[in-house]
Amino acid sequence: MAPEDLAEALRRFGLTYPEAHLKSPWPGHLDLAVRDKTFAYLPPAGQPFSLSVKLPFTGPEALELPFAKPAGYGLGRSGWVSFDPAPDEVPPLETLKSWIDESYRAQAPKKLIKLIGGGGTA
């Protein structure tokens, strides 16, 4: 999948979660949220691929990737990781989806997590 299509594919995937919706808190973002709590920061169409997600379980491992760093604005202290891979460094779609899943489960109320059941990282 072309890197420019990844953000849209991840948005579609993220919107399958209970009460997930799009949120655009400022220009240059079209993010995923649950009950107005962002669980994935994604760029709008036409921008290079990037992703920021909350990874309370796999964050330390993810931070070992050369294109990963703790998220800015103090979010890194809360387990948020930002990814800015070059087009040839983009992780497989399944890895990206697993990060979206982990982040949703970290941000969503327990009542909603129960609706999606086991698996994942919560």
PDB file of N, CA and C in Angstrom:
ATOM      1  N   MET A   1       0.842  -1.181   0.000  1.00  0.00           N
ATOM      2  CA  MET A   1       0.000   0.000   0.000  1.00  0.00           C
ATOM      3  C   MET A   1       0.884   1.240   0.000  1.00  0.00           C
ATOM      4  N   ALA A   2       0.534   2.200  -0.828  1.00  0.00           N
ATOM      5  CA  ALA A   2       1.308   3.432  -0.902  1.00  0.00           C
ATOM      6  C   ALA A   2       1.205   4.192   0.422  1.00  0.00           C
ATOM      7  N   PRO A   3       2.316   4.755   0.901  1.00  0.00           N
ATOM      8  CA  PRO A   3       2.289   5.479   2.174  1.00  0.00           C
ATOM      9  C   PRO A   3       1.195   6.545   2.256  1.00  0.00           C
ATOM     10  N   GLU A   4       0.908   7.203   1.134  1.00  0.00           N
ATOM     11  CA  GLU A   4      -0.113   8.254   1.166  1.00  0.00           C
ATOM     12  C   GLU A   4      -1.523   7.696   1.392  1.00  0.00           C
ATOM     13  N   ASP A   5      -1.718   6.398   1.123  1.00  0.00           N
ATOM     14  CA  ASP A   5      -3.016   5.765   1.352  1.00  0.00           C
ATOM     15  C   ASP A   5      -3.150   5.176   2.756  1.00  0.00           C
ATOM     16  N   LEU A   6      -2.040   5.066   3.468  1.00  0.00           N
ATOM     17  CA  LEU A   6      -2.058   4.427   4.779  1.00  0.00           C
ATOM     18  C   LEU A   6      -2.913   5.173   5.793  1.00  0.00           C
ATOM     19  N   ALA A   7      -2.779   6.479   5.849  1.00  0.00           N
ATOM     20  CA  ALA A   7      -3.548   7.242   6.835  1.00  0.00           C
ATOM     21  C   ALA A   7      -5.040   7.012   6.622  1.00  0.00           C
ATOM     22  N   GLU A   8      -5.486   7.021   5.371  1.00  0.00           N
ATOM     23  CA  GLU A   8      -6.911   6.807   5.101  1.00  0.00           C
ATOM     24  C   GLU A   8      -7.328   5.382   5.463  1.00  0.00           C
ATOM     25  N   ALA A   9      -6.501   4.407   5.176  1.00  0.00           N
ATOM     26  CA  ALA A   9      -6.817   3.019   5.536  1.00  0.00           C
ATOM     27  C   ALA A   9      -6.902   2.864   7.053  1.00  0.00           C
ATOM     28  N   LEU A  10      -5.999   3.509   7.768  1.00  0.00           N
ATOM     29  CA  LEU A  10      -6.024   3.429   9.228  1.00  0.00           C
ATOM     30  C   LEU A  10      -7.222   4.174   9.808  1.00  0.00           C
ATOM     31  N   ARG A  11      -7.614   5.276   9.177  1.00  0.00           N
ATOM     32  CA  ARG A  11      -8.827   5.979   9.614  1.00  0.00           C
ATOM     33  C   ARG A  11     -10.047   5.072   9.470  1.00  0.00           C
ATOM     34  N   ARG A  12     -10.170   4.444   8.304  1.00  0.00           N
ATOM     35  CA  ARG A  12     -11.309   3.537   8.084  1.00  0.00           C
ATOM     36  C   ARG A  12     -11.304   2.407   9.123  1.00  0.00           C
ATOM     37  N   PHE A  13     -10.134   1.842   9.382  1.00  0.00           N
ATOM     38  CA  PHE A  13     -10.012   0.788  10.380  1.00  0.00           C
ATOM     39  C   PHE A  13     -10.407   1.306  11.762  1.00  0.00           C
ATOM     40  N   GLY A  14      -9.870   2.438  12.154  1.00  0.00           N
ATOM     41  CA  GLY A  14     -10.157   3.002  13.474  1.00  0.00           C
ATOM     42  C   GLY A  14     -11.618   3.332  13.675  1.00  0.00           C
ATOM     43  N   LEU A  15     -12.295   3.715  12.613  1.00  0.00           N
ATOM     44  CA  LEU A  15     -13.711   4.072  12.723  1.00  0.00           C
ATOM     45  C   LEU A  15     -14.615   2.855  12.919  1.00  0.00           C
ATOM     46  N   THR A  16     -14.059   1.646  12.830  1.00  0.00           N
ATOM     47  CA  THR A  16     -14.864   0.450  13.081  1.00  0.00           C
ATOM     48  C   THR A  16     -15.050   0.194  14.578  1.00  0.00           C
ATOM     49  N   TYR A  17     -14.290   0.874  15.417  1.00  0.00           N
ATOM     50  CA  TYR A  17     -14.406   0.685  16.861  1.00  0.00           C
ATOM     51  C   TYR A  17     -15.633   1.406  17.413  1.00  0.00           C
ATOM     52  N   PRO A  18     -16.213   0.873  18.487  1.00  0.00           N
ATOM     53  CA  PRO A  18     -17.396   1.507  19.073  1.00  0.00           C
ATOM     54  C   PRO A  18     -17.161   2.987  19.430  1.00  0.00           C
ATOM     55  N   GLU A  19     -18.074   3.809  18.975  1.00  0.00           N
ATOM     56  CA  GLU A  19     -18.090   5.255  19.237  1.00  0.00           C
ATOM     57  C   GLU A  19     -16.867   6.012  18.719  1.00  0.00           C
ATOM     58  N   ALA A  20     -16.090   5.393  17.844  1.00  0.00           N
ATOM     59  CA  ALA A  20     -14.952   6.102  17.241  1.00  0.00           C
ATOM     60  C   ALA A  20     -15.482   7.134  16.257  1.00  0.00           C
ATOM     61  N   HIS A  21     -14.808   8.265  16.183  1.00  0.00           N
ATOM     62  CA  HIS A  21     -15.196   9.339  15.272  1.00  0.00           C
ATOM     63  C   HIS A  21     -13.956  10.126  14.868  1.00  0.00           C
ATOM     64  N   LEU A  22     -14.110  10.939  13.820  1.00  0.00           N
ATOM     65  CA  LEU A  22     -13.011  11.795  13.374  1.00  0.00           C
ATOM     66  C   LEU A  22     -12.999  13.073  14.195  1.00  0.00           C
ATOM     67  N   LYS A  23     -11.809  13.606  14.374  1.00  0.00           N
ATOM     68  CA  LYS A  23     -11.613  14.827  15.145  1.00  0.00           C
ATOM     69  C   LYS A  23     -10.509  15.621  14.461  1.00  0.00           C
ATOM     70  N   SER A  24     -10.723  16.898  14.281  1.00  0.00           N
ATOM     71  CA  SER A  24      -9.723  17.757  13.657  1.00  0.00           C
ATOM     72  C   SER A  24      -9.459  18.950  14.575  1.00  0.00           C
ATOM     73  N   PRO A  25      -8.614  18.734  15.589  1.00  0.00           N
ATOM     74  CA  PRO A  25      -8.403  19.779  16.589  1.00  0.00           C
ATOM     75  C   PRO A  25      -7.647  21.007  16.073  1.00  0.00           C
ATOM     76  N   TRP A  26      -6.893  20.838  15.008  1.00  0.00           N
ATOM     77  CA  TRP A  26      -6.174  21.955  14.416  1.00  0.00           C
ATOM     78  C   TRP A  26      -5.832  21.603  12.975  1.00  0.00           C
ATOM     79  N   PRO A  27      -5.504  22.585  12.160  1.00  0.00           N
ATOM     80  CA  PRO A  27      -5.184  22.308  10.746  1.00  0.00           C
ATOM     81  C   PRO A  27      -4.038  21.301  10.629  1.00  0.00           C
ATOM     82  N   GLY A  28      -4.126  20.472   9.613  1.00  0.00           N
ATOM     83  CA  GLY A  28      -3.067  19.490   9.380  1.00  0.00           C
ATOM     84  C   GLY A  28      -3.297  18.180  10.102  1.00  0.00           C
ATOM     85  N   HIS A  29      -4.483  17.990  10.676  1.00  0.00           N
ATOM     86  CA  HIS A  29      -4.797  16.736  11.359  1.00  0.00           C
ATOM     87  C   HIS A  29      -6.212  16.313  11.033  1.00  0.00           C
ATOM     88  N   LEU A  30      -6.399  15.031  10.914  1.00  0.00           N
ATOM     89  CA  LEU A  30      -7.721  14.416  10.815  1.00  0.00           C
ATOM     90  C   LEU A  30      -7.594  13.129  11.614  1.00  0.00           C
ATOM     91  N   ASP A  31      -7.830  13.253  12.915  1.00  0.00           N
ATOM     92  CA  ASP A  31      -7.478  12.228  13.878  1.00  0.00           C
ATOM     93  C   ASP A  31      -8.649  11.333  14.241  1.00  0.00           C
ATOM     94  N   LEU A  32      -8.329  10.244  14.925  1.00  0.00           N
ATOM     95  CA  LEU A  32      -9.331   9.310  15.423  1.00  0.00           C
ATOM     96  C   LEU A  32      -9.531   9.554  16.913  1.00  0.00           C
ATOM     97  N   ALA A  33     -10.792   9.560  17.342  1.00  0.00           N
ATOM     98  CA  ALA A  33     -11.104   9.788  18.745  1.00  0.00           C
ATOM     99  C   ALA A  33     -12.243   8.876  19.172  1.00  0.00           C
ATOM    100  N   VAL A  34     -12.328   8.678  20.467  1.00  0.00           N
ATOM    101  CA  VAL A  34     -13.446   7.967  21.075  1.00  0.00           C
ATOM    102  C   VAL A  34     -13.936   8.843  22.221  1.00  0.00           C
ATOM    103  N   ARG A  35     -15.213   9.186  22.164  1.00  0.00           N
ATOM    104  CA  ARG A  35     -15.796  10.110  23.151  1.00  0.00           C
ATOM    105  C   ARG A  35     -14.931  11.354  23.316  1.00  0.00           C
ATOM    106  N   ASP A  36     -14.490  11.865  22.198  1.00  0.00           N
ATOM    107  CA  ASP A  36     -13.686  13.080  22.074  1.00  0.00           C
ATOM    108  C   ASP A  36     -12.270  12.965  22.635  1.00  0.00           C
ATOM    109  N   LYS A  37     -11.827  11.768  22.986  1.00  0.00           N
ATOM    110  CA  LYS A  37     -10.439  11.541  23.408  1.00  0.00           C
ATOM    111  C   LYS A  37      -9.692  10.947  22.220  1.00  0.00           C
ATOM    112  N   THR A  38      -8.699  11.654  21.736  1.00  0.00           N
ATOM    113  CA  THR A  38      -7.940  11.186  20.578  1.00  0.00           C
ATOM    114  C   THR A  38      -7.213   9.889  20.910  1.00  0.00           C
ATOM    115  N   PHE A  39      -7.264   8.946  19.961  1.00  0.00           N
ATOM    116  CA  PHE A  39      -6.475   7.720  20.122  1.00  0.00           C
ATOM    117  C   PHE A  39      -5.498   7.504  18.974  1.00  0.00           C
ATOM    118  N   ALA A  40      -5.550   8.338  17.940  1.00  0.00           N
ATOM    119  CA  ALA A  40      -4.554   8.267  16.866  1.00  0.00           C
ATOM    120  C   ALA A  40      -4.488   9.610  16.157  1.00  0.00           C
ATOM    121  N   TYR A  41      -3.301  10.184  16.093  1.00  0.00           N
ATOM    122  CA  TYR A  41      -3.063  11.408  15.340  1.00  0.00           C
ATOM    123  C   TYR A  41      -2.569  11.001  13.961  1.00  0.00           C
ATOM    124  N   LEU A  42      -3.282  11.435  12.923  1.00  0.00           N
ATOM    125  CA  LEU A  42      -2.969  11.073  11.542  1.00  0.00           C
ATOM    126  C   LEU A  42      -2.968  12.320  10.667  1.00  0.00           C
ATOM    127  N   PRO A  43      -2.137  12.342   9.617  1.00  0.00           N
ATOM    128  CA  PRO A  43      -2.113  13.504   8.722  1.00  0.00           C
ATOM    129  C   PRO A  43      -3.279  13.464   7.735  1.00  0.00           C
ATOM    130  N   PRO A  44      -3.670  14.627   7.234  1.00  0.00           N
ATOM    131  CA  PRO A  44      -4.716  14.646   6.201  1.00  0.00           C
ATOM    132  C   PRO A  44      -4.149  14.167   4.866  1.00  0.00           C
ATOM    133  N   ALA A  45      -5.034  13.945   3.907  1.00  0.00           N
ATOM    134  CA  ALA A  45      -4.623  13.507   2.571  1.00  0.00           C
ATOM    135  C   ALA A  45      -3.591  14.472   1.998  1.00  0.00           C
ATOM    136  N   GLY A  46      -2.638  13.920   1.289  1.00  0.00           N
ATOM    137  CA  GLY A  46      -1.620  14.733   0.637  1.00  0.00           C
ATOM    138  C   GLY A  46      -0.390  15.013   1.481  1.00  0.00           C
ATOM    139  N   GLN A  47      -0.432  14.672   2.758  1.00  0.00           N
ATOM    140  CA  GLN A  47       0.719  14.877   3.642  1.00  0.00           C
ATOM    141  C   GLN A  47       1.497  13.569   3.799  1.00  0.00           C
ATOM    142  N   PRO A  48       2.787  13.638   4.107  1.00  0.00           N
ATOM    143  CA  PRO A  48       3.550  12.403   4.332  1.00  0.00           C
ATOM    144  C   PRO A  48       2.948  11.606   5.491  1.00  0.00           C
ATOM    145  N   PHE A  49       3.104  10.299   5.424  1.00  0.00           N
ATOM    146  CA  PHE A  49       2.553   9.452   6.476  1.00  0.00           C
ATOM    147  C   PHE A  49       3.271   9.685   7.794  1.00  0.00           C
ATOM    148  N   SER A  50       2.487   9.789   8.845  1.00  0.00           N
ATOM    149  CA  SER A  50       2.986   9.823  10.216  1.00  0.00           C
ATOM    150  C   SER A  50       1.870   9.283  11.093  1.00  0.00           C
ATOM    151  N   LEU A  51       2.225   8.922  12.307  1.00  0.00           N
ATOM    152  CA  LEU A  51       1.239   8.367  13.225  1.00  0.00           C
ATOM    153  C   LEU A  51       1.708   8.607  14.641  1.00  0.00           C
ATOM    154  N   SER A  52       0.802   9.025  15.507  1.00  0.00           N
ATOM    155  CA  SER A  52       1.075   9.101  16.943  1.00  0.00           C
ATOM    156  C   SER A  52      -0.041   8.353  17.649  1.00  0.00           C
ATOM    157  N   VAL A  53       0.343   7.426  18.527  1.00  0.00           N
ATOM    158  CA  VAL A  53      -0.608   6.589  19.249  1.00  0.00           C
ATOM    159  C   VAL A  53      -0.120   6.364  20.676  1.00  0.00           C
ATOM    160  N   LYS A  54      -1.064   6.043  21.544  1.00  0.00           N
ATOM    161  CA  LYS A  54      -0.719   5.745  22.932  1.00  0.00           C
ATOM    162  C   LYS A  54      -0.465   4.243  23.042  1.00  0.00           C
ATOM    163  N   LEU A  55       0.755   3.879  23.429  1.00  0.00           N
ATOM    164  CA  LEU A  55       1.159   2.470  23.478  1.00  0.00           C
ATOM    165  C   LEU A  55       1.657   2.109  24.880  1.00  0.00           C
ATOM    166  N   PRO A  56       0.732   1.896  25.820  1.00  0.00           N
ATOM    167  CA  PRO A  56       1.158   1.607  27.183  1.00  0.00           C
ATOM    168  C   PRO A  56       1.864   0.265  27.344  1.00  0.00           C
ATOM    169  N   PHE A  57       1.662  -0.652  26.412  1.00  0.00           N
ATOM    170  CA  PHE A  57       2.271  -1.977  26.529  1.00  0.00           C
ATOM    171  C   PHE A  57       3.456  -2.163  25.592  1.00  0.00           C
ATOM    172  N   THR A  58       3.303  -1.780  24.325  1.00  0.00           N
ATOM    173  CA  THR A  58       4.364  -2.028  23.340  1.00  0.00           C
ATOM    174  C   THR A  58       5.207  -0.789  23.044  1.00  0.00           C
ATOM    175  N   GLY A  59       4.963   0.293  23.742  1.00  0.00           N
ATOM    176  CA  GLY A  59       5.708   1.530  23.509  1.00  0.00           C
ATOM    177  C   GLY A  59       7.217   1.383  23.589  1.00  0.00           C
ATOM    178  N   PRO A  60       7.752   0.759  24.655  1.00  0.00           N
ATOM    179  CA  PRO A  60       9.213   0.627  24.730  1.00  0.00           C
ATOM    180  C   PRO A  60       9.809  -0.097  23.524  1.00  0.00           C
ATOM    181  N   GLU A  61       9.138  -1.142  23.077  1.00  0.00           N
ATOM    182  CA  GLU A  61       9.599  -1.882  21.897  1.00  0.00           C
ATOM    183  C   GLU A  61       9.498  -1.012  20.642  1.00  0.00           C
ATOM    184  N   ALA A  62       8.373  -0.308  20.494  1.00  0.00           N
ATOM    185  CA  ALA A  62       8.170   0.546  19.320  1.00  0.00           C
ATOM    186  C   ALA A  62       9.200   1.669  19.262  1.00  0.00           C
ATOM    187  N   LEU A  63       9.597   2.179  20.416  1.00  0.00           N
ATOM    188  CA  LEU A  63      10.568   3.282  20.451  1.00  0.00           C
ATOM    189  C   LEU A  63      11.955   2.859  19.985  1.00  0.00           C
ATOM    190  N   GLU A  64      12.187   1.579  19.835  1.00  0.00           N
ATOM    191  CA  GLU A  64      13.467   1.104  19.314  1.00  0.00           C
ATOM    192  C   GLU A  64      13.575   1.288  17.803  1.00  0.00           C
ATOM    193  N   LEU A  65      12.444   1.519  17.134  1.00  0.00           N
ATOM    194  CA  LEU A  65      12.473   1.745  15.690  1.00  0.00           C
ATOM    195  C   LEU A  65      13.156   3.080  15.399  1.00  0.00           C
ATOM    196  N   PRO A  66      13.950   3.162  14.321  1.00  0.00           N
ATOM    197  CA  PRO A  66      14.723   4.378  14.047  1.00  0.00           C
ATOM    198  C   PRO A  66      13.860   5.612  13.740  1.00  0.00           C
ATOM    199  N   PHE A  67      12.605   5.419  13.360  1.00  0.00           N
ATOM    200  CA  PHE A  67      11.733   6.536  12.999  1.00  0.00           C
ATOM    201  C   PHE A  67      10.697   6.821  14.082  1.00  0.00           C
ATOM    202  N   ALA A  68      10.904   6.268  15.284  1.00  0.00           N
ATOM    203  CA  ALA A  68       9.968   6.465  16.396  1.00  0.00           C
ATOM    204  C   ALA A  68      10.611   7.342  17.462  1.00  0.00           C
ATOM    205  N   LYS A  69       9.756   8.105  18.139  1.00  0.00           N
ATOM    206  CA  LYS A  69      10.220   8.938  19.257  1.00  0.00           C
ATOM    207  C   LYS A  69       9.028   9.204  20.170  1.00  0.00           C
ATOM    208  N   PRO A  70       9.303   9.554  21.426  1.00  0.00           N
ATOM    209  CA  PRO A  70       8.192   9.931  22.295  1.00  0.00           C
ATOM    210  C   PRO A  70       7.459  11.123  21.682  1.00  0.00           C
ATOM    211  N   ALA A  71       6.137  11.103  21.750  1.00  0.00           N
ATOM    212  CA  ALA A  71       5.338  12.188  21.169  1.00  0.00           C
ATOM    213  C   ALA A  71       5.632  13.497  21.890  1.00  0.00           C
ATOM    214  N   GLY A  72       5.509  14.581  21.139  1.00  0.00           N
ATOM    215  CA  GLY A  72       5.768  15.909  21.680  1.00  0.00           C
ATOM    216  C   GLY A  72       4.662  16.411  22.593  1.00  0.00           C
ATOM    217  N   TYR A  73       4.824  17.639  23.028  1.00  0.00           N
ATOM    218  CA  TYR A  73       3.844  18.321  23.884  1.00  0.00           C
ATOM    219  C   TYR A  73       3.615  17.575  25.198  1.00  0.00           C
ATOM    220  N   GLY A  74       4.621  16.839  25.668  1.00  0.00           N
ATOM    221  CA  GLY A  74       4.498  16.117  26.922  1.00  0.00           C
ATOM    222  C   GLY A  74       3.735  14.806  26.840  1.00  0.00           C
ATOM    223  N   LEU A  75       3.192  14.470  25.660  1.00  0.00           N
ATOM    224  CA  LEU A  75       2.432  13.227  25.522  1.00  0.00           C
ATOM    225  C   LEU A  75       3.314  11.993  25.688  1.00  0.00           C
ATOM    226  N   GLY A  76       4.579  12.107  25.325  1.00  0.00           N
ATOM    227  CA  GLY A  76       5.493  10.974  25.443  1.00  0.00           C
ATOM    228  C   GLY A  76       5.594  10.454  26.862  1.00  0.00           C
ATOM    229  N   ARG A  77       5.463  11.347  27.844  1.00  0.00           N
ATOM    230  CA  ARG A  77       5.516  10.916  29.248  1.00  0.00           C
ATOM    231  C   ARG A  77       4.313  10.048  29.616  1.00  0.00           C
ATOM    232  N   SER A  78       3.256  10.134  28.817  1.00  0.00           N
ATOM    233  CA  SER A  78       2.043   9.339  29.078  1.00  0.00           C
ATOM    234  C   SER A  78       1.955   8.115  28.182  1.00  0.00           C
ATOM    235  N   GLY A  79       3.037   7.761  27.514  1.00  0.00           N
ATOM    236  CA  GLY A  79       3.049   6.553  26.697  1.00  0.00           C
ATOM    237  C   GLY A  79       2.748   6.753  25.222  1.00  0.00           C
ATOM    238  N   TRP A  80       2.662   8.015  24.776  1.00  0.00           N
ATOM    239  CA  TRP A  80       2.399   8.276  23.357  1.00  0.00           C
ATOM    240  C   TRP A  80       3.706   8.185  22.577  1.00  0.00           C
ATOM    241  N   VAL A  81       3.623   7.556  21.412  1.00  0.00           N
ATOM    242  CA  VAL A  81       4.782   7.379  20.525  1.00  0.00           C
ATOM    243  C   VAL A  81       4.425   7.950  19.161  1.00  0.00           C
ATOM    244  N   SER A  82       5.360   8.701  18.575  1.00  0.00           N
ATOM    245  CA  SER A  82       5.181   9.262  17.230  1.00  0.00           C
ATOM    246  C   SER A  82       6.091   8.531  16.256  1.00  0.00           C
ATOM    247  N   PHE A  83       5.532   8.254  15.086  1.00  0.00           N
ATOM    248  CA  PHE A  83       6.259   7.558  14.027  1.00  0.00           C
ATOM    249  C   PHE A  83       6.285   8.446  12.796  1.00  0.00           C
ATOM    250  N   ASP A  84       7.470   8.666  12.248  1.00  0.00           N
ATOM    251  CA  ASP A  84       7.660   9.440  11.020  1.00  0.00           C
ATOM    252  C   ASP A  84       8.559   8.651  10.081  1.00  0.00           C
ATOM    253  N   PRO A  85       8.086   7.536   9.557  1.00  0.00           N
ATOM    254  CA  PRO A  85       8.945   6.701   8.717  1.00  0.00           C
ATOM    255  C   PRO A  85       9.102   7.261   7.304  1.00  0.00           C
ATOM    256  N   ALA A  86      10.256   7.011   6.729  1.00  0.00           N
ATOM    257  CA  ALA A  86      10.435   7.277   5.303  1.00  0.00           C
ATOM    258  C   ALA A  86       9.549   6.276   4.559  1.00  0.00           C
ATOM    259  N   PRO A  87       9.187   6.575   3.319  1.00  0.00           N
ATOM    260  CA  PRO A  87       8.302   5.654   2.582  1.00  0.00           C
ATOM    261  C   PRO A  87       8.770   4.200   2.582  1.00  0.00           C
ATOM    262  N   ASP A  88      10.070   3.971   2.563  1.00  0.00           N
ATOM    263  CA  ASP A  88      10.568   2.590   2.545  1.00  0.00           C
ATOM    264  C   ASP A  88      10.716   1.977   3.942  1.00  0.00           C
ATOM    265  N   GLU A  89      10.378   2.729   4.987  1.00  0.00           N
ATOM    266  CA  GLU A  89      10.476   2.245   6.364  1.00  0.00           C
ATOM    267  C   GLU A  89       9.111   1.962   7.008  1.00  0.00           C
ATOM    268  N   VAL A  90       8.036   2.229   6.302  1.00  0.00           N
ATOM    269  CA  VAL A  90       6.703   2.097   6.882  1.00  0.00           C
ATOM    270  C   VAL A  90       6.467   0.652   7.318  1.00  0.00           C
ATOM    271  N   PRO A  91       6.078   0.460   8.583  1.00  0.00           N
ATOM    272  CA  PRO A  91       5.801  -0.897   9.062  1.00  0.00           C
ATOM    273  C   PRO A  91       4.627  -1.528   8.307  1.00  0.00           C
ATOM    274  N   PRO A  92       4.492  -2.840   8.392  1.00  0.00           N
ATOM    275  CA  PRO A  92       3.365  -3.518   7.750  1.00  0.00           C
ATOM    276  C   PRO A  92       2.032  -3.005   8.300  1.00  0.00           C
ATOM    277  N   LEU A  93       1.010  -3.059   7.461  1.00  0.00           N
ATOM    278  CA  LEU A  93      -0.316  -2.577   7.842  1.00  0.00           C
ATOM    279  C   LEU A  93      -0.808  -3.255   9.117  1.00  0.00           C
ATOM    280  N   GLU A  94      -0.562  -4.530   9.267  1.00  0.00           N
ATOM    281  CA  GLU A  94      -1.026  -5.246  10.473  1.00  0.00           C
ATOM    282  C   GLU A  94      -0.378  -4.690  11.740  1.00  0.00           C
ATOM    283  N   THR A  95       0.880  -4.287  11.665  1.00  0.00           N
ATOM    284  CA  THR A  95       1.551  -3.672  12.816  1.00  0.00           C
ATOM    285  C   THR A  95       0.889  -2.339  13.146  1.00  0.00           C
ATOM    286  N   LEU A  96       0.638  -1.533  12.120  1.00  0.00           N
ATOM    287  CA  LEU A  96      -0.007  -0.238  12.333  1.00  0.00           C
ATOM    288  C   LEU A  96      -1.394  -0.420  12.941  1.00  0.00           C
ATOM    289  N   LYS A  97      -2.132  -1.403  12.458  1.00  0.00           N
ATOM    290  CA  LYS A  97      -3.465  -1.673  13.011  1.00  0.00           C
ATOM    291  C   LYS A  97      -3.375  -2.119  14.469  1.00  0.00           C
ATOM    292  N   SER A  98      -2.359  -2.899  14.795  1.00  0.00           N
ATOM    293  CA  SER A  98      -2.222  -3.338  16.190  1.00  0.00           C
ATOM    294  C   SER A  98      -1.934  -2.147  17.100  1.00  0.00           C
ATOM    295  N   TRP A  99      -1.182  -1.162  16.605  1.00  0.00           N
ATOM    296  CA  TRP A  99      -0.929   0.051  17.392  1.00  0.00           C
ATOM    297  C   TRP A  99      -2.215   0.869  17.560  1.00  0.00           C
ATOM    298  N   ILE A 100      -3.014   0.954  16.505  1.00  0.00           N
ATOM    299  CA  ILE A 100      -4.300   1.660  16.593  1.00  0.00           C
ATOM    300  C   ILE A 100      -5.180   0.955  17.633  1.00  0.00           C
ATOM    301  N   ASP A 101      -5.213  -0.370  17.589  1.00  0.00           N
ATOM    302  CA  ASP A 101      -6.005  -1.144  18.538  1.00  0.00           C
ATOM    303  C   ASP A 101      -5.550  -0.891  19.977  1.00  0.00           C
ATOM    304  N   GLU A 102      -4.264  -0.956  20.210  1.00  0.00           N
ATOM    305  CA  GLU A 102      -3.737  -0.734  21.554  1.00  0.00           C
ATOM    306  C   GLU A 102      -4.075   0.676  22.040  1.00  0.00           C
ATOM    307  N   SER A 103      -3.959   1.636  21.172  1.00  0.00           N
ATOM    308  CA  SER A 103      -4.237   3.020  21.545  1.00  0.00           C
ATOM    309  C   SER A 103      -5.726   3.232  21.827  1.00  0.00           C
ATOM    310  N   TYR A 104      -6.589   2.648  20.996  1.00  0.00           N
ATOM    311  CA  TYR A 104      -8.032   2.746  21.256  1.00  0.00           C
ATOM    312  C   TYR A 104      -8.338   2.184  22.639  1.00  0.00           C
ATOM    313  N   ARG A 105      -7.795   1.009  22.923  1.00  0.00           N
ATOM    314  CA  ARG A 105      -8.064   0.352  24.196  1.00  0.00           C
ATOM    315  C   ARG A 105      -7.506   1.153  25.376  1.00  0.00           C
ATOM    316  N   ALA A 106      -6.446   1.915  25.144  1.00  0.00           N
ATOM    317  CA  ALA A 106      -5.871   2.751  26.202  1.00  0.00           C
ATOM    318  C   ALA A 106      -6.718   3.994  26.468  1.00  0.00           C
ATOM    319  N   GLN A 107      -7.470   4.448  25.476  1.00  0.00           N
ATOM    320  CA  GLN A 107      -8.228   5.694  25.604  1.00  0.00           C
ATOM    321  C   GLN A 107      -9.728   5.488  25.830  1.00  0.00           C
ATOM    322  N   ALA A 108     -10.264   4.373  25.380  1.00  0.00           N
ATOM    323  CA  ALA A 108     -11.714   4.162  25.449  1.00  0.00           C
ATOM    324  C   ALA A 108     -12.153   3.752  26.854  1.00  0.00           C
ATOM    325  N   PRO A 109     -13.382   4.084  27.203  1.00  0.00           N
ATOM    326  CA  PRO A 109     -13.932   3.603  28.477  1.00  0.00           C
ATOM    327  C   PRO A 109     -14.034   2.071  28.468  1.00  0.00           C
ATOM    328  N   LYS A 110     -13.895   1.474  29.640  1.00  0.00           N
ATOM    329  CA  LYS A 110     -13.937   0.002  29.751  1.00  0.00           C
ATOM    330  C   LYS A 110     -15.220  -0.567  29.163  1.00  0.00           C
ATOM    331  N   LYS A 111     -16.315   0.157  29.306  1.00  0.00           N
ATOM    332  CA  LYS A 111     -17.606  -0.301  28.779  1.00  0.00           C
ATOM    333  C   LYS A 111     -17.522  -0.534  27.268  1.00  0.00           C
ATOM    334  N   LEU A 112     -16.814   0.351  26.555  1.00  0.00           N
ATOM    335  CA  LEU A 112     -16.674   0.200  25.111  1.00  0.00           C
ATOM    336  C   LEU A 112     -15.687  -0.907  24.749  1.00  0.00           C
ATOM    337  N   ILE A 113     -14.648  -1.052  25.552  1.00  0.00           N
ATOM    338  CA  ILE A 113     -13.658  -2.097  25.291  1.00  0.00           C
ATOM    339  C   ILE A 113     -14.316  -3.469  25.407  1.00  0.00           C
ATOM    340  N   LYS A 114     -15.230  -3.609  26.358  1.00  0.00           N
ATOM    341  CA  LYS A 114     -15.938  -4.886  26.516  1.00  0.00           C
ATOM    342  C   LYS A 114     -16.729  -5.233  25.256  1.00  0.00           C
ATOM    343  N   LEU A 115     -17.196  -4.232  24.534  1.00  0.00           N
ATOM    344  CA  LEU A 115     -17.965  -4.479  23.315  1.00  0.00           C
ATOM    345  C   LEU A 115     -17.124  -5.139  22.214  1.00  0.00           C
ATOM    346  N   ILE A 116     -15.820  -4.883  22.233  1.00  0.00           N
ATOM    347  CA  ILE A 116     -14.961  -5.469  21.204  1.00  0.00           C
ATOM    348  C   ILE A 116     -14.292  -6.747  21.676  1.00  0.00           C
ATOM    349  N   GLY A 117     -14.426  -7.040  22.949  1.00  0.00           N
ATOM    350  CA  GLY A 117     -13.938  -8.309  23.473  1.00  0.00           C
ATOM    351  C   GLY A 117     -12.438  -8.387  23.625  1.00  0.00           C
ATOM    352  N   GLY A 118     -11.988  -9.617  23.819  1.00  0.00           N
ATOM    353  CA  GLY A 118     -10.581  -9.907  24.077  1.00  0.00           C
ATOM    354  C   GLY A 118      -9.708  -9.645  22.874  1.00  0.00           C
ATOM    355  N   GLY A 119      -8.544 -10.221  22.919  1.00  0.00           N
ATOM    356  CA  GLY A 119      -7.568  -9.943  21.871  1.00  0.00           C
ATOM    357  C   GLY A 119      -6.960  -8.584  22.135  1.00  0.00           C
ATOM    358  N   GLY A 120      -6.144  -8.164  21.265  1.00  0.00           N
ATOM    359  CA  GLY A 120      -5.527  -6.845  21.440  1.00  0.00           C
ATOM    360  C   GLY A 120      -4.687  -6.792  22.692  1.00  0.00           C
ATOM    361  N   THR A 121      -4.592  -5.593  23.247  1.00  0.00           N
ATOM    362  CA  THR A 121      -3.626  -5.371  24.307  1.00  0.00           C
ATOM    363  C   THR A 121      -4.221  -4.900  25.615  1.00  0.00           C
ATOM    364  N   ALA A 122      -5.535  -4.816  25.714  1.00  0.00           N
ATOM    365  CA  ALA A 122      -6.121  -4.304  26.952  1.00  0.00           C
ATOM    366  C   ALA A 122      -6.431  -5.425  27.924  1.00  0.00           C
TER     367      ALA A 122
END
